[in-house]
Amino acid sequence: MAFTMRGLSSARRHPECAGNAALRFAACRSQAAFVALFLALFATGAFAASGFFVLNAGTQIRDGVYRLSAQVRFELSEDIEHAIRNGIPVDLRLDIEILRPRSFMWSDTVAELQQLYRIQFHALSRRFVTTNINSGEQNDYDTLSEALVGLSEISDLPLIDRGLLDPGESYVVRLLADIDYGILPVPLRYYARVLPSWRLTSEWYNFPLQ
C-alpha cells in the first residue's frame, strides 16, 4: 500500500513523467507494429529465382580515360518487389575495383568506385523512377521490369585516367552488384541484412583492363 501511495504522489508532483512514459510506450508500440508489419509483408522467403549477375564487362580508352561498359541482370525477389511497389525506395550498388596483381602477395588495389542506382515507385504518376545517385540522371518507366532492364546496361562510365597507371604493369578490373541498405527505414534495414530474400549479391566479375 505504501508503494502505491508513493507512486501516486510522485505522479501528482511530476505529471510530465507520466506523459514521457506514455510517449515512450507509444514509440515502442509503433516500432513493434512496424516490425510486425515488415515480417508479415516481406519475410515470405520467396527468393529462389532472384539474384544479381554481372553478365559481361569491358573497357575502352577515350580521351585518355578508361571507360566501362557492362551488362548486369537484376532479378529482384518478391519481397523486394513488394517493398518497391509499396513506396519503399531501394538502392542497387555496383562496386568497381581496379587491381594490380602480384605473384606472391595480395593484389594491390589501385582504385575503388561505387555507382548507386535508386529505384522507387511514384504513387501519383503510377510510374517507376530510376535515379543514378552519382550523376543525378533520372528515367521513368511503366513497369518495374522495364526499369530493371533500363538499369542493366552500363555504358561509357569513366573509371580512371590512363596517366595514373604504370604502362609497364598489368591491371584487372572487377565488378560486384549488390543492394545498398542505407536508404531503407531503420527497422527494415536490420532485417534486410539477414534475410536471404534481401541478400542478392553477385559474384565478382573479373577482366583485364585494356
N, C-alpha and C. Protein backbone atom coordinates (compact mmCIF):
# COMPACT_ATOMS: atom_id res chain seq x y z
N MET A 1 0.84 -1.20 0.00
CA MET A 1 0.00 0.00 0.00
C MET A 1 0.86 1.25 0.00
N ALA A 2 1.94 1.24 0.78
CA ALA A 2 2.82 2.40 0.83
C ALA A 2 3.43 2.66 -0.54
N PHE A 3 3.83 1.60 -1.26
CA PHE A 3 4.41 1.76 -2.57
C PHE A 3 3.43 2.42 -3.53
N THR A 4 2.16 2.02 -3.45
CA THR A 4 1.14 2.60 -4.32
C THR A 4 0.96 4.07 -4.03
N MET A 5 0.96 4.46 -2.80
CA MET A 5 0.78 5.85 -2.44
C MET A 5 1.94 6.71 -2.92
N ARG A 6 3.17 6.22 -2.82
CA ARG A 6 4.33 6.98 -3.28
C ARG A 6 4.25 7.16 -4.79
N GLY A 7 3.82 6.14 -5.49
CA GLY A 7 3.71 6.25 -6.94
C GLY A 7 2.69 7.30 -7.32
N LEU A 8 1.56 7.32 -6.63
CA LEU A 8 0.53 8.30 -6.94
C LEU A 8 1.02 9.69 -6.60
N SER A 9 1.69 9.82 -5.48
CA SER A 9 2.18 11.13 -5.06
C SER A 9 3.20 11.67 -6.05
N SER A 10 4.13 10.80 -6.53
CA SER A 10 5.15 11.23 -7.47
C SER A 10 4.51 11.67 -8.78
N ALA A 11 3.51 10.95 -9.23
CA ALA A 11 2.84 11.30 -10.48
C ALA A 11 2.17 12.65 -10.38
N ARG A 12 1.58 12.93 -9.14
CA ARG A 12 0.93 14.23 -8.98
C ARG A 12 1.96 15.36 -8.98
N ARG A 13 3.13 15.11 -8.33
CA ARG A 13 4.16 16.15 -8.27
C ARG A 13 4.83 16.37 -9.61
N HIS A 14 4.97 15.31 -10.42
CA HIS A 14 5.67 15.40 -11.70
C HIS A 14 4.81 14.80 -12.81
N PRO A 15 3.77 15.50 -13.23
CA PRO A 15 2.89 14.93 -14.25
C PRO A 15 3.59 14.69 -15.57
N GLU A 16 4.73 15.44 -15.82
CA GLU A 16 5.42 15.24 -17.09
C GLU A 16 6.02 13.84 -17.18
N CYS A 17 6.32 13.21 -16.03
CA CYS A 17 6.89 11.86 -16.05
C CYS A 17 5.89 10.89 -16.67
N ALA A 18 4.64 11.03 -16.27
CA ALA A 18 3.62 10.15 -16.82
C ALA A 18 3.48 10.36 -18.32
N GLY A 19 3.58 11.64 -18.73
CA GLY A 19 3.48 11.92 -20.16
C GLY A 19 4.63 11.33 -20.93
N ASN A 20 5.86 11.46 -20.40
CA ASN A 20 7.02 10.90 -21.08
C ASN A 20 6.93 9.39 -21.18
N ALA A 21 6.47 8.76 -20.12
CA ALA A 21 6.32 7.31 -20.14
C ALA A 21 5.32 6.89 -21.21
N ALA A 22 4.25 7.66 -21.33
CA ALA A 22 3.25 7.34 -22.34
C ALA A 22 3.82 7.49 -23.74
N LEU A 23 4.65 8.54 -23.93
CA LEU A 23 5.28 8.74 -25.23
C LEU A 23 6.24 7.61 -25.56
N ARG A 24 7.02 7.19 -24.54
CA ARG A 24 7.95 6.10 -24.77
C ARG A 24 7.21 4.81 -25.12
N PHE A 25 6.11 4.58 -24.41
CA PHE A 25 5.32 3.38 -24.68
C PHE A 25 4.74 3.41 -26.09
N ALA A 26 4.25 4.60 -26.50
CA ALA A 26 3.67 4.73 -27.84
C ALA A 26 4.73 4.52 -28.91
N ALA A 27 5.95 5.06 -28.66
CA ALA A 27 7.03 4.90 -29.64
C ALA A 27 7.42 3.44 -29.78
N CYS A 28 7.54 2.75 -28.65
CA CYS A 28 7.90 1.33 -28.69
C CYS A 28 6.83 0.51 -29.40
N ARG A 29 5.56 0.85 -29.08
CA ARG A 29 4.47 0.11 -29.70
C ARG A 29 4.44 0.37 -31.20
N SER A 30 4.75 1.62 -31.62
CA SER A 30 4.78 1.94 -33.04
C SER A 30 5.89 1.19 -33.76
N GLN A 31 7.06 1.13 -33.12
CA GLN A 31 8.18 0.40 -33.72
C GLN A 31 7.87 -1.08 -33.80
N ALA A 32 7.29 -1.63 -32.77
CA ALA A 32 6.93 -3.04 -32.78
C ALA A 32 5.92 -3.34 -33.88
N ALA A 33 4.99 -2.41 -34.07
CA ALA A 33 3.99 -2.60 -35.12
C ALA A 33 4.63 -2.58 -36.49
N PHE A 34 5.63 -1.69 -36.67
CA PHE A 34 6.33 -1.63 -37.96
C PHE A 34 7.06 -2.94 -38.23
N VAL A 35 7.75 -3.43 -37.21
CA VAL A 35 8.48 -4.69 -37.38
C VAL A 35 7.53 -5.84 -37.71
N ALA A 36 6.39 -5.88 -37.00
CA ALA A 36 5.41 -6.93 -37.26
C ALA A 36 4.87 -6.83 -38.69
N LEU A 37 4.62 -5.59 -39.13
CA LEU A 37 4.12 -5.39 -40.49
C LEU A 37 5.17 -5.83 -41.50
N PHE A 38 6.43 -5.47 -41.22
CA PHE A 38 7.52 -5.87 -42.12
C PHE A 38 7.59 -7.39 -42.25
N LEU A 39 7.55 -8.08 -41.11
CA LEU A 39 7.65 -9.53 -41.14
C LEU A 39 6.49 -10.14 -41.91
N ALA A 40 5.32 -9.55 -41.75
CA ALA A 40 4.14 -10.08 -42.43
C ALA A 40 4.21 -9.86 -43.94
N LEU A 41 4.75 -8.69 -44.34
CA LEU A 41 4.75 -8.33 -45.75
C LEU A 41 5.93 -8.88 -46.52
N PHE A 42 7.12 -8.83 -45.89
CA PHE A 42 8.34 -9.06 -46.63
C PHE A 42 9.06 -10.36 -46.32
N ALA A 43 8.82 -10.95 -45.18
CA ALA A 43 9.57 -12.16 -44.84
C ALA A 43 8.88 -13.41 -45.36
N THR A 44 8.64 -13.42 -46.65
CA THR A 44 7.91 -14.53 -47.24
C THR A 44 8.82 -15.66 -47.66
N GLY A 45 10.11 -15.36 -47.80
CA GLY A 45 11.06 -16.38 -48.22
C GLY A 45 11.00 -16.66 -49.71
N ALA A 46 10.36 -15.80 -50.49
CA ALA A 46 10.25 -16.02 -51.93
C ALA A 46 11.45 -15.40 -52.62
N PHE A 47 12.50 -16.19 -52.84
CA PHE A 47 13.72 -15.63 -53.40
C PHE A 47 14.45 -16.62 -54.29
N ALA A 48 13.85 -17.76 -54.57
CA ALA A 48 14.57 -18.83 -55.26
C ALA A 48 15.08 -18.40 -56.63
N ALA A 49 14.33 -17.60 -57.38
CA ALA A 49 14.71 -17.24 -58.73
C ALA A 49 15.38 -15.88 -58.80
N SER A 50 15.74 -15.31 -57.66
CA SER A 50 16.27 -13.96 -57.64
C SER A 50 17.79 -13.98 -57.50
N GLY A 51 18.38 -12.83 -57.79
CA GLY A 51 19.83 -12.69 -57.67
C GLY A 51 20.35 -11.65 -58.64
N PHE A 52 21.58 -11.20 -58.42
CA PHE A 52 22.24 -10.25 -59.31
C PHE A 52 23.36 -10.97 -60.05
N PHE A 53 23.52 -10.62 -61.33
CA PHE A 53 24.51 -11.31 -62.17
C PHE A 53 25.19 -10.30 -63.09
N VAL A 54 26.51 -10.21 -63.02
CA VAL A 54 27.28 -9.42 -63.99
C VAL A 54 27.52 -10.34 -65.18
N LEU A 55 26.90 -10.03 -66.31
CA LEU A 55 26.94 -10.92 -67.47
C LEU A 55 28.19 -10.71 -68.32
N ASN A 56 28.56 -9.48 -68.54
CA ASN A 56 29.79 -9.18 -69.28
C ASN A 56 30.22 -7.75 -68.98
N ALA A 57 31.49 -7.48 -69.25
CA ALA A 57 32.02 -6.14 -68.99
C ALA A 57 33.32 -5.97 -69.76
N GLY A 58 33.64 -4.74 -70.10
CA GLY A 58 34.88 -4.43 -70.80
C GLY A 58 35.15 -2.94 -70.73
N THR A 59 36.35 -2.56 -71.14
CA THR A 59 36.74 -1.15 -71.10
C THR A 59 37.27 -0.73 -72.46
N GLN A 60 37.23 0.57 -72.68
CA GLN A 60 37.88 1.17 -73.85
C GLN A 60 38.44 2.53 -73.42
N ILE A 61 39.43 3.01 -74.16
CA ILE A 61 40.05 4.29 -73.84
C ILE A 61 39.50 5.35 -74.78
N ARG A 62 39.05 6.44 -74.19
CA ARG A 62 38.61 7.59 -74.98
C ARG A 62 39.05 8.85 -74.26
N ASP A 63 39.72 9.73 -74.99
CA ASP A 63 40.24 10.98 -74.42
C ASP A 63 41.14 10.71 -73.22
N GLY A 64 41.92 9.63 -73.30
CA GLY A 64 42.87 9.31 -72.25
C GLY A 64 42.27 8.75 -70.98
N VAL A 65 40.98 8.36 -71.03
CA VAL A 65 40.30 7.83 -69.85
C VAL A 65 39.74 6.45 -70.17
N TYR A 66 39.99 5.50 -69.26
CA TYR A 66 39.37 4.18 -69.39
C TYR A 66 37.89 4.30 -69.04
N ARG A 67 37.04 3.75 -69.91
CA ARG A 67 35.59 3.82 -69.71
C ARG A 67 35.00 2.41 -69.71
N LEU A 68 34.05 2.21 -68.80
CA LEU A 68 33.48 0.89 -68.59
C LEU A 68 32.14 0.73 -69.29
N SER A 69 31.96 -0.43 -69.91
CA SER A 69 30.65 -0.86 -70.39
C SER A 69 30.38 -2.22 -69.78
N ALA A 70 29.16 -2.44 -69.32
CA ALA A 70 28.83 -3.71 -68.66
C ALA A 70 27.34 -3.99 -68.79
N GLN A 71 27.02 -5.25 -68.63
CA GLN A 71 25.62 -5.68 -68.60
C GLN A 71 25.39 -6.46 -67.31
N VAL A 72 24.42 -5.99 -66.54
CA VAL A 72 24.13 -6.59 -65.24
C VAL A 72 22.65 -6.99 -65.21
N ARG A 73 22.38 -8.21 -64.77
CA ARG A 73 20.99 -8.63 -64.65
C ARG A 73 20.56 -8.54 -63.19
N PHE A 74 19.53 -7.72 -62.95
CA PHE A 74 18.98 -7.56 -61.62
C PHE A 74 17.66 -8.34 -61.53
N GLU A 75 17.68 -9.44 -60.82
CA GLU A 75 16.47 -10.23 -60.60
C GLU A 75 16.07 -10.09 -59.14
N LEU A 76 15.06 -9.27 -58.88
CA LEU A 76 14.64 -8.99 -57.52
C LEU A 76 13.77 -10.11 -56.96
N SER A 77 13.85 -10.31 -55.67
CA SER A 77 12.95 -11.25 -55.01
C SER A 77 11.57 -10.63 -54.89
N GLU A 78 10.59 -11.46 -54.61
CA GLU A 78 9.22 -10.95 -54.44
C GLU A 78 9.15 -9.98 -53.27
N ASP A 79 9.93 -10.23 -52.22
CA ASP A 79 9.94 -9.34 -51.06
C ASP A 79 10.37 -7.93 -51.46
N ILE A 80 11.43 -7.83 -52.25
CA ILE A 80 11.95 -6.52 -52.65
C ILE A 80 10.99 -5.85 -53.62
N GLU A 81 10.45 -6.61 -54.54
CA GLU A 81 9.46 -6.02 -55.46
C GLU A 81 8.26 -5.49 -54.68
N HIS A 82 7.83 -6.24 -53.68
CA HIS A 82 6.69 -5.82 -52.86
C HIS A 82 7.03 -4.53 -52.13
N ALA A 83 8.24 -4.43 -51.62
CA ALA A 83 8.65 -3.22 -50.91
C ALA A 83 8.62 -2.02 -51.85
N ILE A 84 9.17 -2.17 -53.05
CA ILE A 84 9.20 -1.06 -54.01
C ILE A 84 7.78 -0.64 -54.38
N ARG A 85 6.92 -1.60 -54.64
CA ARG A 85 5.54 -1.28 -55.03
C ARG A 85 4.77 -0.60 -53.89
N ASN A 86 5.25 -0.77 -52.67
CA ASN A 86 4.61 -0.11 -51.52
C ASN A 86 5.31 1.18 -51.12
N GLY A 87 6.13 1.72 -52.03
CA GLY A 87 6.68 3.06 -51.82
C GLY A 87 8.04 3.12 -51.15
N ILE A 88 8.68 1.98 -50.91
CA ILE A 88 10.00 1.99 -50.27
C ILE A 88 11.07 2.03 -51.36
N PRO A 89 11.90 3.09 -51.40
CA PRO A 89 12.97 3.14 -52.41
C PRO A 89 14.06 2.12 -52.09
N VAL A 90 14.63 1.55 -53.13
CA VAL A 90 15.69 0.56 -52.97
C VAL A 90 16.88 0.99 -53.83
N ASP A 91 18.07 0.93 -53.24
CA ASP A 91 19.29 1.29 -53.95
C ASP A 91 20.04 0.05 -54.40
N LEU A 92 20.40 0.02 -55.67
CA LEU A 92 21.23 -1.04 -56.23
C LEU A 92 22.64 -0.47 -56.39
N ARG A 93 23.64 -1.24 -55.95
CA ARG A 93 25.01 -0.72 -55.93
C ARG A 93 25.91 -1.56 -56.82
N LEU A 94 26.78 -0.87 -57.55
CA LEU A 94 27.80 -1.54 -58.35
C LEU A 94 29.16 -1.16 -57.78
N ASP A 95 29.87 -2.14 -57.23
CA ASP A 95 31.22 -1.93 -56.71
C ASP A 95 32.22 -2.24 -57.81
N ILE A 96 33.17 -1.32 -58.02
CA ILE A 96 34.18 -1.46 -59.07
C ILE A 96 35.55 -1.29 -58.44
N GLU A 97 36.43 -2.23 -58.74
CA GLU A 97 37.81 -2.15 -58.23
C GLU A 97 38.79 -2.35 -59.39
N ILE A 98 39.87 -1.59 -59.35
CA ILE A 98 40.97 -1.78 -60.28
C ILE A 98 42.16 -2.29 -59.47
N LEU A 99 42.67 -3.47 -59.85
CA LEU A 99 43.70 -4.15 -59.08
C LEU A 99 44.97 -4.31 -59.91
N ARG A 100 46.10 -4.34 -59.21
CA ARG A 100 47.38 -4.68 -59.83
C ARG A 100 47.81 -6.02 -59.24
N PRO A 101 47.69 -7.09 -60.02
CA PRO A 101 48.01 -8.42 -59.48
C PRO A 101 49.48 -8.55 -59.10
N ARG A 102 49.74 -9.33 -58.05
CA ARG A 102 51.09 -9.64 -57.61
C ARG A 102 51.25 -11.15 -57.56
N SER A 103 52.44 -11.64 -57.87
CA SER A 103 52.67 -13.08 -57.96
C SER A 103 52.65 -13.76 -56.60
N PHE A 104 53.28 -13.12 -55.60
CA PHE A 104 53.47 -13.81 -54.32
C PHE A 104 52.82 -13.07 -53.15
N MET A 105 51.84 -12.22 -53.45
CA MET A 105 51.16 -11.49 -52.38
C MET A 105 49.79 -11.05 -52.88
N TRP A 106 49.03 -10.42 -51.95
CA TRP A 106 47.71 -9.93 -52.34
C TRP A 106 47.84 -8.86 -53.41
N SER A 107 46.85 -8.79 -54.29
CA SER A 107 46.84 -7.75 -55.32
C SER A 107 46.73 -6.37 -54.70
N ASP A 108 47.37 -5.39 -55.33
CA ASP A 108 47.25 -4.00 -54.89
C ASP A 108 45.95 -3.41 -55.42
N THR A 109 45.21 -2.73 -54.57
CA THR A 109 44.01 -2.03 -55.02
C THR A 109 44.41 -0.63 -55.47
N VAL A 110 44.27 -0.38 -56.77
CA VAL A 110 44.68 0.90 -57.35
C VAL A 110 43.57 1.93 -57.22
N ALA A 111 42.33 1.52 -57.43
CA ALA A 111 41.20 2.44 -57.36
C ALA A 111 39.94 1.68 -57.01
N GLU A 112 39.02 2.36 -56.34
CA GLU A 112 37.72 1.80 -55.98
C GLU A 112 36.64 2.82 -56.31
N LEU A 113 35.56 2.35 -56.92
CA LEU A 113 34.44 3.21 -57.25
C LEU A 113 33.15 2.52 -56.85
N GLN A 114 32.12 3.34 -56.59
CA GLN A 114 30.78 2.82 -56.33
C GLN A 114 29.78 3.61 -57.15
N GLN A 115 28.89 2.89 -57.80
CA GLN A 115 27.78 3.51 -58.52
C GLN A 115 26.49 3.08 -57.82
N LEU A 116 25.65 4.07 -57.50
CA LEU A 116 24.37 3.78 -56.85
C LEU A 116 23.22 4.12 -57.79
N TYR A 117 22.27 3.19 -57.89
CA TYR A 117 21.09 3.37 -58.72
C TYR A 117 19.86 3.15 -57.85
N ARG A 118 19.05 4.18 -57.71
CA ARG A 118 17.84 4.09 -56.87
C ARG A 118 16.62 3.80 -57.75
N ILE A 119 15.78 2.92 -57.26
CA ILE A 119 14.54 2.61 -57.95
C ILE A 119 13.39 2.77 -56.96
N GLN A 120 12.37 3.51 -57.38
CA GLN A 120 11.23 3.74 -56.49
C GLN A 120 9.96 3.94 -57.31
N PHE A 121 8.86 3.70 -56.65
CA PHE A 121 7.55 3.82 -57.28
C PHE A 121 6.89 5.12 -56.84
N HIS A 122 6.46 5.92 -57.82
CA HIS A 122 5.75 7.16 -57.53
C HIS A 122 4.25 6.91 -57.64
N ALA A 123 3.59 6.98 -56.49
CA ALA A 123 2.16 6.64 -56.45
C ALA A 123 1.32 7.60 -57.29
N LEU A 124 1.72 8.88 -57.33
CA LEU A 124 0.91 9.87 -58.04
C LEU A 124 0.92 9.62 -59.55
N SER A 125 2.11 9.38 -60.10
CA SER A 125 2.22 9.15 -61.54
C SER A 125 2.03 7.69 -61.92
N ARG A 126 2.08 6.80 -60.90
CA ARG A 126 1.98 5.36 -61.12
C ARG A 126 3.10 4.87 -62.02
N ARG A 127 4.31 5.44 -61.87
CA ARG A 127 5.45 5.05 -62.68
C ARG A 127 6.64 4.73 -61.78
N PHE A 128 7.53 3.91 -62.33
CA PHE A 128 8.74 3.53 -61.61
C PHE A 128 9.87 4.43 -62.08
N VAL A 129 10.52 5.07 -61.12
CA VAL A 129 11.57 6.05 -61.44
C VAL A 129 12.92 5.50 -60.99
N THR A 130 13.90 5.58 -61.89
CA THR A 130 15.27 5.20 -61.54
C THR A 130 16.13 6.46 -61.52
N THR A 131 17.04 6.50 -60.56
CA THR A 131 17.94 7.65 -60.41
C THR A 131 19.37 7.16 -60.27
N ASN A 132 20.25 7.69 -61.09
CA ASN A 132 21.68 7.46 -60.90
C ASN A 132 22.13 8.45 -59.82
N ILE A 133 22.41 7.95 -58.62
CA ILE A 133 22.73 8.82 -57.49
C ILE A 133 24.03 9.59 -57.75
N ASN A 134 24.95 9.00 -58.49
CA ASN A 134 26.23 9.65 -58.75
C ASN A 134 26.08 10.84 -59.70
N SER A 135 25.26 10.68 -60.73
CA SER A 135 25.14 11.72 -61.75
C SER A 135 23.86 12.54 -61.63
N GLY A 136 22.84 11.98 -60.96
CA GLY A 136 21.55 12.65 -60.85
C GLY A 136 20.60 12.36 -62.00
N GLU A 137 21.05 11.60 -62.99
CA GLU A 137 20.20 11.28 -64.14
C GLU A 137 18.99 10.44 -63.72
N GLN A 138 17.82 10.79 -64.22
CA GLN A 138 16.60 10.07 -63.89
C GLN A 138 15.90 9.58 -65.15
N ASN A 139 15.22 8.45 -65.00
CA ASN A 139 14.36 7.91 -66.05
C ASN A 139 13.12 7.31 -65.40
N ASP A 140 12.01 7.28 -66.13
CA ASP A 140 10.81 6.68 -65.57
C ASP A 140 10.23 5.66 -66.55
N TYR A 141 9.53 4.67 -65.98
CA TYR A 141 9.06 3.52 -66.76
C TYR A 141 7.65 3.14 -66.31
N ASP A 142 6.97 2.45 -67.22
CA ASP A 142 5.61 1.98 -66.91
C ASP A 142 5.63 0.82 -65.92
N THR A 143 6.62 -0.05 -66.04
CA THR A 143 6.65 -1.26 -65.21
C THR A 143 8.00 -1.39 -64.50
N LEU A 144 8.00 -2.19 -63.45
CA LEU A 144 9.23 -2.45 -62.72
C LEU A 144 10.21 -3.24 -63.58
N SER A 145 9.72 -4.15 -64.37
CA SER A 145 10.59 -4.94 -65.25
C SER A 145 11.32 -4.04 -66.24
N GLU A 146 10.62 -3.06 -66.81
CA GLU A 146 11.26 -2.13 -67.74
C GLU A 146 12.32 -1.30 -67.03
N ALA A 147 12.04 -0.91 -65.80
CA ALA A 147 13.02 -0.13 -65.04
C ALA A 147 14.30 -0.93 -64.79
N LEU A 148 14.15 -2.21 -64.47
CA LEU A 148 15.32 -3.05 -64.22
C LEU A 148 16.12 -3.27 -65.50
N VAL A 149 15.44 -3.40 -66.63
CA VAL A 149 16.14 -3.52 -67.90
C VAL A 149 16.91 -2.24 -68.20
N GLY A 150 16.30 -1.11 -67.90
CA GLY A 150 16.98 0.16 -68.11
C GLY A 150 18.24 0.32 -67.28
N LEU A 151 18.25 -0.27 -66.09
CA LEU A 151 19.42 -0.20 -65.23
C LEU A 151 20.49 -1.22 -65.60
N SER A 152 20.12 -2.21 -66.40
CA SER A 152 21.04 -3.32 -66.65
C SER A 152 22.18 -2.95 -67.60
N GLU A 153 22.00 -1.93 -68.42
CA GLU A 153 23.01 -1.56 -69.39
C GLU A 153 23.82 -0.37 -68.86
N ILE A 154 25.10 -0.59 -68.65
CA ILE A 154 26.02 0.45 -68.18
C ILE A 154 26.99 0.74 -69.32
N SER A 155 27.08 1.98 -69.73
CA SER A 155 27.94 2.30 -70.87
C SER A 155 28.70 3.60 -70.63
N ASP A 156 29.94 3.60 -71.12
CA ASP A 156 30.77 4.80 -71.13
C ASP A 156 30.97 5.40 -69.74
N LEU A 157 31.10 4.56 -68.72
CA LEU A 157 31.31 5.04 -67.36
C LEU A 157 32.81 5.30 -67.13
N PRO A 158 33.21 6.54 -66.86
CA PRO A 158 34.64 6.82 -66.64
C PRO A 158 35.17 6.08 -65.41
N LEU A 159 36.32 5.40 -65.59
CA LEU A 159 36.93 4.64 -64.50
C LEU A 159 38.17 5.34 -63.94
N ILE A 160 39.18 5.54 -64.81
CA ILE A 160 40.44 6.07 -64.33
C ILE A 160 41.22 6.66 -65.50
N ASP A 161 41.98 7.71 -65.22
CA ASP A 161 42.83 8.34 -66.23
C ASP A 161 44.00 7.41 -66.54
N ARG A 162 44.27 7.22 -67.80
CA ARG A 162 45.37 6.34 -68.19
C ARG A 162 46.71 6.82 -67.64
N GLY A 163 46.86 8.13 -67.48
CA GLY A 163 48.11 8.68 -66.98
C GLY A 163 48.41 8.32 -65.54
N LEU A 164 47.41 7.81 -64.80
CA LEU A 164 47.62 7.42 -63.41
C LEU A 164 48.14 5.99 -63.28
N LEU A 165 48.22 5.28 -64.39
CA LEU A 165 48.65 3.88 -64.37
C LEU A 165 50.05 3.74 -64.95
N ASP A 166 50.76 2.74 -64.46
CA ASP A 166 52.09 2.42 -64.95
C ASP A 166 51.97 1.63 -66.25
N PRO A 167 52.50 2.15 -67.38
CA PRO A 167 52.34 1.44 -68.65
C PRO A 167 53.02 0.08 -68.68
N GLY A 168 53.94 -0.17 -67.77
CA GLY A 168 54.61 -1.46 -67.73
C GLY A 168 53.92 -2.50 -66.88
N GLU A 169 52.81 -2.15 -66.26
CA GLU A 169 52.08 -3.06 -65.37
C GLU A 169 50.79 -3.55 -66.03
N SER A 170 50.31 -4.69 -65.56
CA SER A 170 49.01 -5.21 -65.98
C SER A 170 47.99 -4.96 -64.86
N TYR A 171 46.76 -4.69 -65.25
CA TYR A 171 45.73 -4.38 -64.28
C TYR A 171 44.47 -5.21 -64.56
N VAL A 172 43.73 -5.44 -63.50
CA VAL A 172 42.48 -6.20 -63.58
C VAL A 172 41.35 -5.35 -63.01
N VAL A 173 40.21 -5.38 -63.69
CA VAL A 173 39.00 -4.72 -63.18
C VAL A 173 38.06 -5.81 -62.67
N ARG A 174 37.40 -5.55 -61.56
CA ARG A 174 36.39 -6.49 -61.10
C ARG A 174 35.14 -5.73 -60.65
N LEU A 175 34.00 -6.35 -60.89
CA LEU A 175 32.70 -5.74 -60.59
C LEU A 175 31.89 -6.66 -59.70
N LEU A 176 31.09 -6.04 -58.85
CA LEU A 176 30.14 -6.78 -58.00
C LEU A 176 28.88 -5.95 -57.86
N ALA A 177 27.72 -6.59 -58.04
CA ALA A 177 26.42 -5.93 -57.89
C ALA A 177 25.80 -6.35 -56.57
N ASP A 178 25.18 -5.40 -55.89
CA ASP A 178 24.63 -5.68 -54.56
C ASP A 178 23.52 -4.69 -54.26
N ILE A 179 22.84 -4.90 -53.15
CA ILE A 179 21.87 -3.94 -52.63
C ILE A 179 22.56 -3.08 -51.58
N ASP A 180 22.32 -1.79 -51.64
CA ASP A 180 22.83 -0.90 -50.61
C ASP A 180 21.68 -0.61 -49.64
N TYR A 181 21.88 -0.92 -48.35
CA TYR A 181 20.78 -0.86 -47.39
C TYR A 181 20.59 0.53 -46.76
N GLY A 182 21.46 1.47 -47.09
CA GLY A 182 21.45 2.74 -46.39
C GLY A 182 20.17 3.55 -46.50
N ILE A 183 19.45 3.42 -47.61
CA ILE A 183 18.24 4.21 -47.82
C ILE A 183 17.02 3.62 -47.13
N LEU A 184 17.09 2.36 -46.71
CA LEU A 184 15.93 1.69 -46.14
C LEU A 184 15.58 2.23 -44.76
N PRO A 185 14.30 2.20 -44.37
CA PRO A 185 13.92 2.55 -42.99
C PRO A 185 14.68 1.68 -42.00
N VAL A 186 15.03 2.26 -40.85
CA VAL A 186 15.94 1.59 -39.92
C VAL A 186 15.50 0.17 -39.54
N PRO A 187 14.26 -0.06 -39.11
CA PRO A 187 13.89 -1.44 -38.75
C PRO A 187 14.05 -2.41 -39.92
N LEU A 188 13.65 -1.99 -41.12
CA LEU A 188 13.77 -2.84 -42.30
C LEU A 188 15.24 -3.07 -42.66
N ARG A 189 16.06 -2.04 -42.44
CA ARG A 189 17.49 -2.15 -42.78
C ARG A 189 18.16 -3.29 -42.05
N TYR A 190 17.85 -3.44 -40.76
CA TYR A 190 18.48 -4.50 -39.97
C TYR A 190 18.01 -5.88 -40.40
N TYR A 191 16.72 -6.02 -40.67
CA TYR A 191 16.20 -7.32 -41.09
C TYR A 191 16.69 -7.67 -42.50
N ALA A 192 16.81 -6.66 -43.38
CA ALA A 192 17.22 -6.92 -44.76
C ALA A 192 18.63 -7.48 -44.83
N ARG A 193 19.47 -7.15 -43.86
CA ARG A 193 20.85 -7.64 -43.87
C ARG A 193 20.94 -9.14 -43.62
N VAL A 194 19.91 -9.72 -43.03
CA VAL A 194 20.00 -11.14 -42.67
C VAL A 194 19.01 -12.02 -43.44
N LEU A 195 17.98 -11.42 -44.02
CA LEU A 195 17.01 -12.22 -44.76
C LEU A 195 17.56 -12.62 -46.13
N PRO A 196 17.52 -13.90 -46.48
CA PRO A 196 18.03 -14.34 -47.78
C PRO A 196 17.38 -13.62 -48.96
N SER A 197 16.12 -13.27 -48.83
CA SER A 197 15.42 -12.61 -49.94
C SER A 197 15.91 -11.20 -50.20
N TRP A 198 16.71 -10.65 -49.28
CA TRP A 198 17.29 -9.32 -49.47
C TRP A 198 18.80 -9.38 -49.72
N ARG A 199 19.35 -10.55 -49.77
CA ARG A 199 20.79 -10.70 -49.99
C ARG A 199 21.00 -11.32 -51.37
N LEU A 200 21.15 -10.45 -52.36
CA LEU A 200 21.18 -10.88 -53.76
C LEU A 200 22.53 -10.60 -54.42
N THR A 201 23.58 -10.52 -53.64
CA THR A 201 24.89 -10.13 -54.12
C THR A 201 25.38 -11.04 -55.25
N SER A 202 25.94 -10.43 -56.28
CA SER A 202 26.51 -11.20 -57.38
C SER A 202 27.89 -11.74 -57.01
N GLU A 203 28.40 -12.60 -57.86
CA GLU A 203 29.81 -12.98 -57.76
C GLU A 203 30.67 -11.84 -58.34
N TRP A 204 31.94 -11.79 -57.93
CA TRP A 204 32.86 -10.85 -58.55
C TRP A 204 33.08 -11.25 -60.01
N TYR A 205 33.05 -10.27 -60.89
CA TYR A 205 33.32 -10.49 -62.31
C TYR A 205 34.65 -9.82 -62.63
N ASN A 206 35.63 -10.59 -63.10
CA ASN A 206 36.99 -10.09 -63.33
C ASN A 206 37.32 -10.07 -64.82
N PHE A 207 38.03 -9.04 -65.24
CA PHE A 207 38.51 -8.98 -66.63
C PHE A 207 39.72 -8.03 -66.69
N PRO A 208 40.60 -8.21 -67.67
CA PRO A 208 41.79 -7.35 -67.76
C PRO A 208 41.43 -5.94 -68.23
N LEU A 209 42.11 -4.97 -67.66
CA LEU A 209 41.94 -3.58 -68.09
C LEU A 209 42.76 -3.40 -69.38
N GLN A 210 42.07 -3.05 -70.44
CA GLN A 210 42.77 -2.88 -71.71
C GLN A 210 41.97 -1.97 -72.64
